[in-house]
Amino acid sequence: MKSKMLVGSLEKCDLPDLMIEGLHIRVDTGATTSSLHVDNIEVFIENKEEWVSYDIHPDIHDVEKIVTRRSKVVGMRNVKSSSGERERRYVIETSMVLGGEQWDILITLTDRS
């Protein structure tokens, strides 16, 4: 049996598929899926598959820094936000590195501005 990893409520992780390192994250043990705050979500079709383009502010200490990324859409989810409102979100799959371990995870994209 694999040992469990102890994590805090705030951590830093890498999303290597998205070329993002040192992303500050808030751990929510009650969430079904991870979510990522992004801006300018645009849907497009590439090779008959649905994709999204979006902007991320990967550095909480430099909010002027913006990177644009693209991901294949793997689904849609209805998510109840912390304010109690329901929102339909795009779901992407990417790898995450935390504490020297790597997993493939599902992430919903949302614009919280």
PDB file of N, CA and C in Angstrom:
ATOM      1  N   MET A   1       0.838  -1.181   0.000  1.00  0.00           N
ATOM      2  CA  MET A   1       0.000   0.000   0.000  1.00  0.00           C
ATOM      3  C   MET A   1       0.879   1.239   0.000  1.00  0.00           C
ATOM      4  N   LYS A   2       0.528   2.196  -0.866  1.00  0.00           N
ATOM      5  CA  LYS A   2       1.284   3.426  -0.985  1.00  0.00           C
ATOM      6  C   LYS A   2       0.981   4.336   0.207  1.00  0.00           C
ATOM      7  N   SER A   3       2.002   5.001   0.744  1.00  0.00           N
ATOM      8  CA  SER A   3       1.780   5.878   1.892  1.00  0.00           C
ATOM      9  C   SER A   3       1.083   7.162   1.446  1.00  0.00           C
ATOM     10  N   LYS A   4       0.344   7.768   2.370  1.00  0.00           N
ATOM     11  CA  LYS A   4      -0.367   9.004   2.083  1.00  0.00           C
ATOM     12  C   LYS A   4       0.573  10.188   2.227  1.00  0.00           C
ATOM     13  N   MET A   5       0.295  11.227   1.458  1.00  0.00           N
ATOM     14  CA  MET A   5       1.086  12.451   1.509  1.00  0.00           C
ATOM     15  C   MET A   5       0.367  13.451   2.403  1.00  0.00           C
ATOM     16  N   LEU A   6       1.084  14.050   3.312  1.00  0.00           N
ATOM     17  CA  LEU A   6       0.534  15.074   4.181  1.00  0.00           C
ATOM     18  C   LEU A   6       0.679  16.417   3.470  1.00  0.00           C
ATOM     19  N   VAL A   7      -0.440  17.121   3.283  1.00  0.00           N
ATOM     20  CA  VAL A   7      -0.400  18.422   2.623  1.00  0.00           C
ATOM     21  C   VAL A   7      -1.073  19.462   3.506  1.00  0.00           C
ATOM     22  N   GLY A   8      -0.682  20.700   3.319  1.00  0.00           N
ATOM     23  CA  GLY A   8      -1.287  21.795   4.055  1.00  0.00           C
ATOM     24  C   GLY A   8      -2.441  22.395   3.276  1.00  0.00           C
ATOM     25  N   SER A   9      -3.051  23.412   3.826  1.00  0.00           N
ATOM     26  CA  SER A   9      -4.174  24.051   3.137  1.00  0.00           C
ATOM     27  C   SER A   9      -3.693  24.909   1.970  1.00  0.00           C
ATOM     28  N   LEU A  10      -2.443  25.347   2.021  1.00  0.00           N
ATOM     29  CA  LEU A  10      -1.824  26.077   0.915  1.00  0.00           C
ATOM     30  C   LEU A  10      -0.550  25.364   0.517  1.00  0.00           C
ATOM     31  N   GLU A  11      -0.376  25.135  -0.768  1.00  0.00           N
ATOM     32  CA  GLU A  11       0.789  24.413  -1.286  1.00  0.00           C
ATOM     33  C   GLU A  11       1.247  25.061  -2.581  1.00  0.00           C
ATOM     34  N   LYS A  12       2.377  24.602  -3.087  1.00  0.00           N
ATOM     35  CA  LYS A  12       2.861  24.988  -4.410  1.00  0.00           C
ATOM     36  C   LYS A  12       2.995  23.719  -5.235  1.00  0.00           C
ATOM     37  N   CYS A  13       2.551  23.788  -6.482  1.00  0.00           N
ATOM     38  CA  CYS A  13       2.660  22.626  -7.362  1.00  0.00           C
ATOM     39  C   CYS A  13       3.131  23.077  -8.738  1.00  0.00           C
ATOM     40  N   ASP A  14       3.467  22.105  -9.556  1.00  0.00           N
ATOM     41  CA  ASP A  14       3.818  22.343 -10.948  1.00  0.00           C
ATOM     42  C   ASP A  14       2.763  21.678 -11.821  1.00  0.00           C
ATOM     43  N   LEU A  15       2.473  22.312 -12.956  1.00  0.00           N
ATOM     44  CA  LEU A  15       1.608  21.734 -13.978  1.00  0.00           C
ATOM     45  C   LEU A  15       2.458  21.640 -15.245  1.00  0.00           C
ATOM     46  N   PRO A  16       3.286  20.588 -15.340  1.00  0.00           N
ATOM     47  CA  PRO A  16       4.272  20.520 -16.429  1.00  0.00           C
ATOM     48  C   PRO A  16       3.667  20.521 -17.830  1.00  0.00           C
ATOM     49  N   ASP A  17       2.499  19.911 -18.021  1.00  0.00           N
ATOM     50  CA  ASP A  17       1.875  19.923 -19.347  1.00  0.00           C
ATOM     51  C   ASP A  17       1.526  21.343 -19.782  1.00  0.00           C
ATOM     52  N   LEU A  18       1.261  22.209 -18.815  1.00  0.00           N
ATOM     53  CA  LEU A  18       0.914  23.602 -19.100  1.00  0.00           C
ATOM     54  C   LEU A  18       2.118  24.526 -18.961  1.00  0.00           C
ATOM     55  N   MET A  19       3.292  23.949 -18.676  1.00  0.00           N
ATOM     56  CA  MET A  19       4.538  24.705 -18.506  1.00  0.00           C
ATOM     57  C   MET A  19       4.415  25.758 -17.404  1.00  0.00           C
ATOM     58  N   ILE A  20       3.807  25.356 -16.276  1.00  0.00           N
ATOM     59  CA  ILE A  20       3.647  26.250 -15.133  1.00  0.00           C
ATOM     60  C   ILE A  20       4.342  25.626 -13.929  1.00  0.00           C
ATOM     61  N   GLU A  21       5.238  26.398 -13.318  1.00  0.00           N
ATOM     62  CA  GLU A  21       5.965  25.927 -12.137  1.00  0.00           C
ATOM     63  C   GLU A  21       5.658  26.821 -10.945  1.00  0.00           C
ATOM     64  N   GLY A  22       5.619  26.214  -9.762  1.00  0.00           N
ATOM     65  CA  GLY A  22       5.459  26.976  -8.526  1.00  0.00           C
ATOM     66  C   GLY A  22       4.105  27.652  -8.389  1.00  0.00           C
ATOM     67  N   LEU A  23       3.056  27.019  -8.905  1.00  0.00           N
ATOM     68  CA  LEU A  23       1.717  27.576  -8.809  1.00  0.00           C
ATOM     69  C   LEU A  23       1.204  27.437  -7.381  1.00  0.00           C
ATOM     70  N   HIS A  24       0.784  28.537  -6.780  1.00  0.00           N
ATOM     71  CA  HIS A  24       0.218  28.503  -5.430  1.00  0.00           C
ATOM     72  C   HIS A  24      -1.193  27.942  -5.519  1.00  0.00           C
ATOM     73  N   ILE A  25      -1.488  26.932  -4.714  1.00  0.00           N
ATOM     74  CA  ILE A  25      -2.807  26.302  -4.740  1.00  0.00           C
ATOM     75  C   ILE A  25      -3.394  26.254  -3.340  1.00  0.00           C
ATOM     76  N   ARG A  26      -4.717  26.254  -3.295  1.00  0.00           N
ATOM     77  CA  ARG A  26      -5.429  26.072  -2.031  1.00  0.00           C
ATOM     78  C   ARG A  26      -6.028  24.678  -2.067  1.00  0.00           C
ATOM     79  N   VAL A  27      -5.733  23.879  -1.086  1.00  0.00           N
ATOM     80  CA  VAL A  27      -6.210  22.506  -1.031  1.00  0.00           C
ATOM     81  C   VAL A  27      -7.621  22.503  -0.443  1.00  0.00           C
ATOM     82  N   ASP A  28      -8.564  21.887  -1.169  1.00  0.00           N
ATOM     83  CA  ASP A  28      -9.955  21.802  -0.744  1.00  0.00           C
ATOM     84  C   ASP A  28     -10.343  20.332  -0.731  1.00  0.00           C
ATOM     85  N   THR A  29     -10.351  19.739   0.442  1.00  0.00           N
ATOM     86  CA  THR A  29     -10.637  18.305   0.543  1.00  0.00           C
ATOM     87  C   THR A  29     -12.079  17.967   0.217  1.00  0.00           C
ATOM     88  N   GLY A  30     -12.962  18.968   0.186  1.00  0.00           N
ATOM     89  CA  GLY A  30     -14.362  18.713  -0.110  1.00  0.00           C
ATOM     90  C   GLY A  30     -14.702  18.813  -1.582  1.00  0.00           C
ATOM     91  N   ALA A  31     -13.758  19.246  -2.400  1.00  0.00           N
ATOM     92  CA  ALA A  31     -14.017  19.431  -3.829  1.00  0.00           C
ATOM     93  C   ALA A  31     -13.893  18.106  -4.584  1.00  0.00           C
ATOM     94  N   THR A  32     -14.768  17.915  -5.542  1.00  0.00           N
ATOM     95  CA  THR A  32     -14.713  16.719  -6.383  1.00  0.00           C
ATOM     96  C   THR A  32     -13.621  16.848  -7.430  1.00  0.00           C
ATOM     97  N   THR A  33     -13.486  18.044  -7.992  1.00  0.00           N
ATOM     98  CA  THR A  33     -12.530  18.304  -9.067  1.00  0.00           C
ATOM     99  C   THR A  33     -11.742  19.561  -8.733  1.00  0.00           C
ATOM    100  N   SER A  34     -10.502  19.616  -9.141  1.00  0.00           N
ATOM    101  CA  SER A  34      -9.716  20.837  -8.983  1.00  0.00           C
ATOM    102  C   SER A  34     -10.259  21.905  -9.924  1.00  0.00           C
ATOM    103  N   SER A  35     -10.080  23.166  -9.550  1.00  0.00           N
ATOM    104  CA  SER A  35     -10.484  24.244 -10.450  1.00  0.00           C
ATOM    105  C   SER A  35      -9.318  25.214 -10.603  1.00  0.00           C
ATOM    106  N   LEU A  36      -9.311  25.887 -11.736  1.00  0.00           N
ATOM    107  CA  LEU A  36      -8.240  26.819 -12.058  1.00  0.00           C
ATOM    108  C   LEU A  36      -8.883  28.117 -12.525  1.00  0.00           C
ATOM    109  N   HIS A  37      -8.502  29.228 -11.872  1.00  0.00           N
ATOM    110  CA  HIS A  37      -9.007  30.529 -12.298  1.00  0.00           C
ATOM    111  C   HIS A  37      -8.266  30.934 -13.562  1.00  0.00           C
ATOM    112  N   VAL A  38      -9.022  31.181 -14.629  1.00  0.00           N
ATOM    113  CA  VAL A  38      -8.448  31.608 -15.904  1.00  0.00           C
ATOM    114  C   VAL A  38      -9.290  32.755 -16.457  1.00  0.00           C
ATOM    115  N   ASP A  39      -8.715  33.492 -17.389  1.00  0.00           N
ATOM    116  CA  ASP A  39      -9.419  34.575 -18.075  1.00  0.00           C
ATOM    117  C   ASP A  39      -9.503  34.234 -19.568  1.00  0.00           C
ATOM    118  N   ASN A  40     -10.415  34.905 -20.237  1.00  0.00           N
ATOM    119  CA  ASN A  40     -10.511  34.850 -21.699  1.00  0.00           C
ATOM    120  C   ASN A  40     -10.637  33.430 -22.251  1.00  0.00           C
ATOM    121  N   ILE A  41     -11.570  32.668 -21.727  1.00  0.00           N
ATOM    122  CA  ILE A  41     -11.803  31.305 -22.217  1.00  0.00           C
ATOM    123  C   ILE A  41     -12.410  31.386 -23.611  1.00  0.00           C
ATOM    124  N   GLU A  42     -11.762  30.746 -24.559  1.00  0.00           N
ATOM    125  CA  GLU A  42     -12.260  30.698 -25.929  1.00  0.00           C
ATOM    126  C   GLU A  42     -12.256  29.258 -26.401  1.00  0.00           C
ATOM    127  N   VAL A  43     -13.371  28.826 -26.944  1.00  0.00           N
ATOM    128  CA  VAL A  43     -13.525  27.455 -27.434  1.00  0.00           C
ATOM    129  C   VAL A  43     -13.237  27.440 -28.929  1.00  0.00           C
ATOM    130  N   PHE A  44     -12.551  26.385 -29.380  1.00  0.00           N
ATOM    131  CA  PHE A  44     -12.307  26.233 -30.814  1.00  0.00           C
ATOM    132  C   PHE A  44     -12.226  24.747 -31.146  1.00  0.00           C
ATOM    133  N   ILE A  45     -12.339  24.444 -32.405  1.00  0.00           N
ATOM    134  CA  ILE A  45     -12.276  23.060 -32.891  1.00  0.00           C
ATOM    135  C   ILE A  45     -10.945  22.851 -33.598  1.00  0.00           C
ATOM    136  N   GLU A  46     -10.260  21.774 -33.227  1.00  0.00           N
ATOM    137  CA  GLU A  46      -9.002  21.406 -33.875  1.00  0.00           C
ATOM    138  C   GLU A  46      -9.033  19.903 -34.124  1.00  0.00           C
ATOM    139  N   ASN A  47      -8.856  19.493 -35.368  1.00  0.00           N
ATOM    140  CA  ASN A  47      -8.918  18.071 -35.739  1.00  0.00           C
ATOM    141  C   ASN A  47     -10.205  17.408 -35.234  1.00  0.00           C
ATOM    142  N   LYS A  48     -11.316  18.132 -35.398  1.00  0.00           N
ATOM    143  CA  LYS A  48     -12.650  17.644 -35.018  1.00  0.00           C
ATOM    144  C   LYS A  48     -12.823  17.431 -33.516  1.00  0.00           C
ATOM    145  N   GLU A  49     -11.940  18.023 -32.709  1.00  0.00           N
ATOM    146  CA  GLU A  49     -12.030  17.919 -31.251  1.00  0.00           C
ATOM    147  C   GLU A  49     -12.191  19.317 -30.663  1.00  0.00           C
ATOM    148  N   GLU A  50     -12.904  19.383 -29.538  1.00  0.00           N
ATOM    149  CA  GLU A  50     -13.121  20.658 -28.869  1.00  0.00           C
ATOM    150  C   GLU A  50     -11.917  20.995 -27.981  1.00  0.00           C
ATOM    151  N   TRP A  51     -11.408  22.192 -28.120  1.00  0.00           N
ATOM    152  CA  TRP A  51     -10.286  22.705 -27.349  1.00  0.00           C
ATOM    153  C   TRP A  51     -10.674  24.043 -26.735  1.00  0.00           C
ATOM    154  N   VAL A  52      -9.926  24.460 -25.713  1.00  0.00           N
ATOM    155  CA  VAL A  52     -10.090  25.790 -25.128  1.00  0.00           C
ATOM    156  C   VAL A  52      -8.744  26.490 -25.063  1.00  0.00           C
ATOM    157  N   SER A  53      -8.792  27.781 -25.268  1.00  0.00           N
ATOM    158  CA  SER A  53      -7.642  28.650 -25.072  1.00  0.00           C
ATOM    159  C   SER A  53      -7.998  29.538 -23.887  1.00  0.00           C
ATOM    160  N   TYR A  54      -7.027  29.843 -23.032  1.00  0.00           N
ATOM    161  CA  TYR A  54      -7.310  30.624 -21.825  1.00  0.00           C
ATOM    162  C   TYR A  54      -6.028  31.277 -21.327  1.00  0.00           C
ATOM    163  N   ASP A  55      -6.194  32.326 -20.546  1.00  0.00           N
ATOM    164  CA  ASP A  55      -5.070  33.046 -19.957  1.00  0.00           C
ATOM    165  C   ASP A  55      -4.995  32.722 -18.473  1.00  0.00           C
ATOM    166  N   ILE A  56      -3.766  32.571 -17.972  1.00  0.00           N
ATOM    167  CA  ILE A  56      -3.521  32.272 -16.554  1.00  0.00           C
ATOM    168  C   ILE A  56      -2.540  33.307 -16.001  1.00  0.00           C
ATOM    169  N   HIS A  57      -2.752  33.685 -14.755  1.00  0.00           N
ATOM    170  CA  HIS A  57      -1.788  34.508 -14.011  1.00  0.00           C
ATOM    171  C   HIS A  57      -1.068  33.534 -13.066  1.00  0.00           C
ATOM    172  N   PRO A  58       0.054  32.950 -13.490  1.00  0.00           N
ATOM    173  CA  PRO A  58       0.674  31.882 -12.697  1.00  0.00           C
ATOM    174  C   PRO A  58       1.441  32.336 -11.460  1.00  0.00           C
ATOM    175  N   ASP A  59       1.710  33.637 -11.343  1.00  0.00           N
ATOM    176  CA  ASP A  59       2.525  34.123 -10.237  1.00  0.00           C
ATOM    177  C   ASP A  59       1.714  35.100  -9.396  1.00  0.00           C
ATOM    178  N   ILE A  60       1.341  34.693  -8.171  1.00  0.00           N
ATOM    179  CA  ILE A  60       0.516  35.571  -7.329  1.00  0.00           C
ATOM    180  C   ILE A  60       1.254  36.852  -6.924  1.00  0.00           C
ATOM    181  N   HIS A  61       2.575  36.865  -7.079  1.00  0.00           N
ATOM    182  CA  HIS A  61       3.363  38.037  -6.729  1.00  0.00           C
ATOM    183  C   HIS A  61       3.555  38.978  -7.920  1.00  0.00           C
ATOM    184  N   ASP A  62       3.150  38.548  -9.121  1.00  0.00           N
ATOM    185  CA  ASP A  62       3.269  39.361 -10.330  1.00  0.00           C
ATOM    186  C   ASP A  62       2.005  39.169 -11.162  1.00  0.00           C
ATOM    187  N   VAL A  63       0.938  39.873 -10.773  1.00  0.00           N
ATOM    188  CA  VAL A  63      -0.357  39.691 -11.440  1.00  0.00           C
ATOM    189  C   VAL A  63      -0.359  40.223 -12.871  1.00  0.00           C
ATOM    190  N   GLU A  64       0.656  40.994 -13.231  1.00  0.00           N
ATOM    191  CA  GLU A  64       0.755  41.482 -14.606  1.00  0.00           C
ATOM    192  C   GLU A  64       1.217  40.378 -15.560  1.00  0.00           C
ATOM    193  N   LYS A  65       1.845  39.344 -15.021  1.00  0.00           N
ATOM    194  CA  LYS A  65       2.321  38.244 -15.865  1.00  0.00           C
ATOM    195  C   LYS A  65       1.133  37.370 -16.274  1.00  0.00           C
ATOM    196  N   ILE A  66       0.971  37.198 -17.566  1.00  0.00           N
ATOM    197  CA  ILE A  66      -0.118  36.394 -18.111  1.00  0.00           C
ATOM    198  C   ILE A  66       0.471  35.421 -19.124  1.00  0.00           C
ATOM    199  N   VAL A  67       0.054  34.170 -19.030  1.00  0.00           N
ATOM    200  CA  VAL A  67       0.447  33.185 -20.042  1.00  0.00           C
ATOM    201  C   VAL A  67      -0.826  32.609 -20.657  1.00  0.00           C
ATOM    202  N   THR A  68      -0.787  32.386 -21.952  1.00  0.00           N
ATOM    203  CA  THR A  68      -1.920  31.797 -22.659  1.00  0.00           C
ATOM    204  C   THR A  68      -1.627  30.326 -22.893  1.00  0.00           C
ATOM    205  N   ARG A  69      -2.594  29.484 -22.589  1.00  0.00           N
ATOM    206  CA  ARG A  69      -2.446  28.036 -22.770  1.00  0.00           C
ATOM    207  C   ARG A  69      -3.644  27.503 -23.537  1.00  0.00           C
ATOM    208  N   ARG A  70      -3.472  26.299 -24.108  1.00  0.00           N
ATOM    209  CA  ARG A  70      -4.533  25.613 -24.834  1.00  0.00           C
ATOM    210  C   ARG A  70      -4.621  24.193 -24.323  1.00  0.00           C
ATOM    211  N   SER A  71      -5.828  23.684 -24.204  1.00  0.00           N
ATOM    212  CA  SER A  71      -6.025  22.315 -23.727  1.00  0.00           C
ATOM    213  C   SER A  71      -7.222  21.701 -24.436  1.00  0.00           C
ATOM    214  N   LYS A  72      -7.147  20.391 -24.607  1.00  0.00           N
ATOM    215  CA  LYS A  72      -8.283  19.666 -25.158  1.00  0.00           C
ATOM    216  C   LYS A  72      -9.361  19.549 -24.085  1.00  0.00           C
ATOM    217  N   VAL A  73     -10.599  19.765 -24.476  1.00  0.00           N
ATOM    218  CA  VAL A  73     -11.724  19.634 -23.550  1.00  0.00           C
ATOM    219  C   VAL A  73     -12.042  18.153 -23.399  1.00  0.00           C
ATOM    220  N   VAL A  74     -12.085  17.670 -22.162  1.00  0.00           N
ATOM    221  CA  VAL A  74     -12.422  16.259 -21.918  1.00  0.00           C
ATOM    222  C   VAL A  74     -13.836  16.109 -21.378  1.00  0.00           C
ATOM    223  N   GLY A  75     -14.505  17.234 -21.125  1.00  0.00           N
ATOM    224  CA  GLY A  75     -15.878  17.162 -20.642  1.00  0.00           C
ATOM    225  C   GLY A  75     -16.370  18.502 -20.158  1.00  0.00           C
ATOM    226  N   MET A  76     -17.582  18.474 -19.640  1.00  0.00           N
ATOM    227  CA  MET A  76     -18.202  19.646 -19.034  1.00  0.00           C
ATOM    228  C   MET A  76     -18.739  19.201 -17.676  1.00  0.00           C
ATOM    229  N   ARG A  77     -18.716  20.102 -16.700  1.00  0.00           N
ATOM    230  CA  ARG A  77     -19.240  19.781 -15.363  1.00  0.00           C
ATOM    231  C   ARG A  77     -20.087  20.934 -14.864  1.00  0.00           C
ATOM    232  N   ASN A  78     -21.156  20.585 -14.174  1.00  0.00           N
ATOM    233  CA  ASN A  78     -21.915  21.578 -13.432  1.00  0.00           C
ATOM    234  C   ASN A  78     -21.294  21.649 -12.051  1.00  0.00           C
ATOM    235  N   VAL A  79     -20.833  22.834 -11.674  1.00  0.00           N
ATOM    236  CA  VAL A  79     -20.121  23.004 -10.409  1.00  0.00           C
ATOM    237  C   VAL A  79     -20.850  24.047  -9.572  1.00  0.00           C
ATOM    238  N   LYS A  80     -21.020  23.729  -8.304  1.00  0.00           N
ATOM    239  CA  LYS A  80     -21.603  24.683  -7.359  1.00  0.00           C
ATOM    240  C   LYS A  80     -20.445  25.456  -6.737  1.00  0.00           C
ATOM    241  N   SER A  81     -20.416  26.751  -6.959  1.00  0.00           N
ATOM    242  CA  SER A  81     -19.321  27.581  -6.463  1.00  0.00           C
ATOM    243  C   SER A  81     -19.447  27.789  -4.957  1.00  0.00           C
ATOM    244  N   SER A  82     -18.417  28.364  -4.377  1.00  0.00           N
ATOM    245  CA  SER A  82     -18.427  28.628  -2.931  1.00  0.00           C
ATOM    246  C   SER A  82     -19.516  29.620  -2.549  1.00  0.00           C
ATOM    247  N   SER A  83     -19.976  30.417  -3.506  1.00  0.00           N
ATOM    248  CA  SER A  83     -21.068  31.368  -3.238  1.00  0.00           C
ATOM    249  C   SER A  83     -22.437  30.714  -3.388  1.00  0.00           C
ATOM    250  N   GLY A  84     -22.459  29.430  -3.784  1.00  0.00           N
ATOM    251  CA  GLY A  84     -23.714  28.698  -3.908  1.00  0.00           C
ATOM    252  C   GLY A  84     -24.316  28.708  -5.302  1.00  0.00           C
ATOM    253  N   GLU A  85     -23.691  29.435  -6.237  1.00  0.00           N
ATOM    254  CA  GLU A  85     -24.205  29.494  -7.606  1.00  0.00           C
ATOM    255  C   GLU A  85     -23.698  28.311  -8.416  1.00  0.00           C
ATOM    256  N   ARG A  86     -24.549  27.832  -9.328  1.00  0.00           N
ATOM    257  CA  ARG A  86     -24.160  26.734 -10.214  1.00  0.00           C
ATOM    258  C   ARG A  86     -23.587  27.312 -11.499  1.00  0.00           C
ATOM    259  N   GLU A  87     -22.528  26.664 -11.997  1.00  0.00           N
ATOM    260  CA  GLU A  87     -21.842  27.128 -13.196  1.00  0.00           C
ATOM    261  C   GLU A  87     -21.447  25.914 -14.034  1.00  0.00           C
ATOM    262  N   ARG A  88     -21.601  26.019 -15.335  1.00  0.00           N
ATOM    263  CA  ARG A  88     -21.166  24.951 -16.249  1.00  0.00           C
ATOM    264  C   ARG A  88     -19.734  25.272 -16.666  1.00  0.00           C
ATOM    265  N   ARG A  89     -18.808  24.338 -16.404  1.00  0.00           N
ATOM    266  CA  ARG A  89     -17.382  24.584 -16.653  1.00  0.00           C
ATOM    267  C   ARG A  89     -16.784  23.555 -17.606  1.00  0.00           C
ATOM    268  N   TYR A  90     -15.806  24.015 -18.370  1.00  0.00           N
ATOM    269  CA  TYR A  90     -15.018  23.107 -19.204  1.00  0.00           C
ATOM    270  C   TYR A  90     -14.078  22.324 -18.305  1.00  0.00           C
ATOM    271  N   VAL A  91     -13.829  21.058 -18.664  1.00  0.00           N
ATOM    272  CA  VAL A  91     -12.914  20.202 -17.909  1.00  0.00           C
ATOM    273  C   VAL A  91     -11.753  19.838 -18.817  1.00  0.00           C
ATOM    274  N   ILE A  92     -10.536  19.983 -18.293  1.00  0.00           N
ATOM    275  CA  ILE A  92      -9.325  19.559 -19.007  1.00  0.00           C
ATOM    276  C   ILE A  92      -8.596  18.529 -18.150  1.00  0.00           C
ATOM    277  N   GLU A  93      -7.687  17.799 -18.771  1.00  0.00           N
ATOM    278  CA  GLU A  93      -6.848  16.857 -18.030  1.00  0.00           C
ATOM    279  C   GLU A  93      -5.399  17.289 -18.194  1.00  0.00           C
ATOM    280  N   THR A  94      -4.664  17.271 -17.094  1.00  0.00           N
ATOM    281  CA  THR A  94      -3.254  17.653 -17.131  1.00  0.00           C
ATOM    282  C   THR A  94      -2.515  16.926 -16.016  1.00  0.00           C
ATOM    283  N   SER A  95      -1.205  16.976 -16.048  1.00  0.00           N
ATOM    284  CA  SER A  95      -0.437  16.365 -14.971  1.00  0.00           C
ATOM    285  C   SER A  95      -0.107  17.425 -13.919  1.00  0.00           C
ATOM    286  N   MET A  96       0.004  16.972 -12.669  1.00  0.00           N
ATOM    287  CA  MET A  96       0.346  17.847 -11.549  1.00  0.00           C
ATOM    288  C   MET A  96       1.475  17.194 -10.767  1.00  0.00           C
ATOM    289  N   VAL A  97       2.447  17.992 -10.361  1.00  0.00           N
ATOM    290  CA  VAL A  97       3.546  17.511  -9.523  1.00  0.00           C
ATOM    291  C   VAL A  97       3.455  18.233  -8.186  1.00  0.00           C
ATOM    292  N   LEU A  98       3.427  17.442  -7.113  1.00  0.00           N
ATOM    293  CA  LEU A  98       3.355  17.978  -5.755  1.00  0.00           C
ATOM    294  C   LEU A  98       4.160  17.060  -4.860  1.00  0.00           C
ATOM    295  N   GLY A  99       5.086  17.617  -4.121  1.00  0.00           N
ATOM    296  CA  GLY A  99       5.883  16.817  -3.192  1.00  0.00           C
ATOM    297  C   GLY A  99       6.664  15.698  -3.861  1.00  0.00           C
ATOM    298  N   GLY A 100       7.113  15.933  -5.081  1.00  0.00           N
ATOM    299  CA  GLY A 100       7.897  14.927  -5.793  1.00  0.00           C
ATOM    300  C   GLY A 100       7.077  13.824  -6.443  1.00  0.00           C
ATOM    301  N   GLU A 101       5.768  13.848  -6.280  1.00  0.00           N
ATOM    302  CA  GLU A 101       4.872  12.863  -6.900  1.00  0.00           C
ATOM    303  C   GLU A 101       4.141  13.518  -8.068  1.00  0.00           C
ATOM    304  N   GLN A 102       3.796  12.708  -9.077  1.00  0.00           N
ATOM    305  CA  GLN A 102       3.087  13.243 -10.235  1.00  0.00           C
ATOM    306  C   GLN A 102       1.824  12.438 -10.505  1.00  0.00           C
ATOM    307  N   TRP A 103       0.725  13.161 -10.812  1.00  0.00           N
ATOM    308  CA  TRP A 103      -0.554  12.527 -11.142  1.00  0.00           C
ATOM    309  C   TRP A 103      -1.158  13.226 -12.343  1.00  0.00           C
ATOM    310  N   ASP A 104      -2.031  12.505 -13.045  1.00  0.00           N
ATOM    311  CA  ASP A 104      -2.904  13.130 -14.027  1.00  0.00           C
ATOM    312  C   ASP A 104      -4.166  13.522 -13.276  1.00  0.00           C
ATOM    313  N   ILE A 105      -4.598  14.768 -13.446  1.00  0.00           N
ATOM    314  CA  ILE A 105      -5.776  15.267 -12.735  1.00  0.00           C
ATOM    315  C   ILE A 105      -6.740  15.932 -13.716  1.00  0.00           C
ATOM    316  N   LEU A 106      -7.992  16.026 -13.292  1.00  0.00           N
ATOM    317  CA  LEU A 106      -9.000  16.788 -14.024  1.00  0.00           C
ATOM    318  C   LEU A 106      -9.121  18.143 -13.376  1.00  0.00           C
ATOM    319  N   ILE A 107      -9.223  19.181 -14.207  1.00  0.00           N
ATOM    320  CA  ILE A 107      -9.335  20.559 -13.722  1.00  0.00           C
ATOM    321  C   ILE A 107     -10.495  21.226 -14.449  1.00  0.00           C
ATOM    322  N   THR A 108     -11.367  21.898 -13.686  1.00  0.00           N
ATOM    323  CA  THR A 108     -12.381  22.731 -14.322  1.00  0.00           C
ATOM    324  C   THR A 108     -11.835  24.141 -14.460  1.00  0.00           C
ATOM    325  N   LEU A 109     -12.212  24.804 -15.528  1.00  0.00           N
ATOM    326  CA  LEU A 109     -11.754  26.176 -15.786  1.00  0.00           C
ATOM    327  C   LEU A 109     -12.872  27.145 -15.448  1.00  0.00           C
ATOM    328  N   THR A 110     -12.537  28.198 -14.692  1.00  0.00           N
ATOM    329  CA  THR A 110     -13.540  29.192 -14.322  1.00  0.00           C
ATOM    330  C   THR A 110     -12.926  30.573 -14.281  1.00  0.00           C
ATOM    331  N   ASP A 111     -13.715  31.571 -14.639  1.00  0.00           N
ATOM    332  CA  ASP A 111     -13.293  32.967 -14.546  1.00  0.00           C
ATOM    333  C   ASP A 111     -13.949  33.547 -13.297  1.00  0.00           C
ATOM    334  N   ARG A 112     -13.167  33.744 -12.252  1.00  0.00           N
ATOM    335  CA  ARG A 112     -13.704  34.216 -10.967  1.00  0.00           C
ATOM    336  C   ARG A 112     -13.676  35.736 -10.824  1.00  0.00           C
ATOM    337  N   SER A 113     -13.293  36.437 -11.885  1.00  0.00           N
ATOM    338  CA  SER A 113     -13.208  37.899 -11.769  1.00  0.00           C
ATOM    339  C   SER A 113     -14.560  38.566 -11.656  1.00  0.00           C
TER     340      SER A 113
END
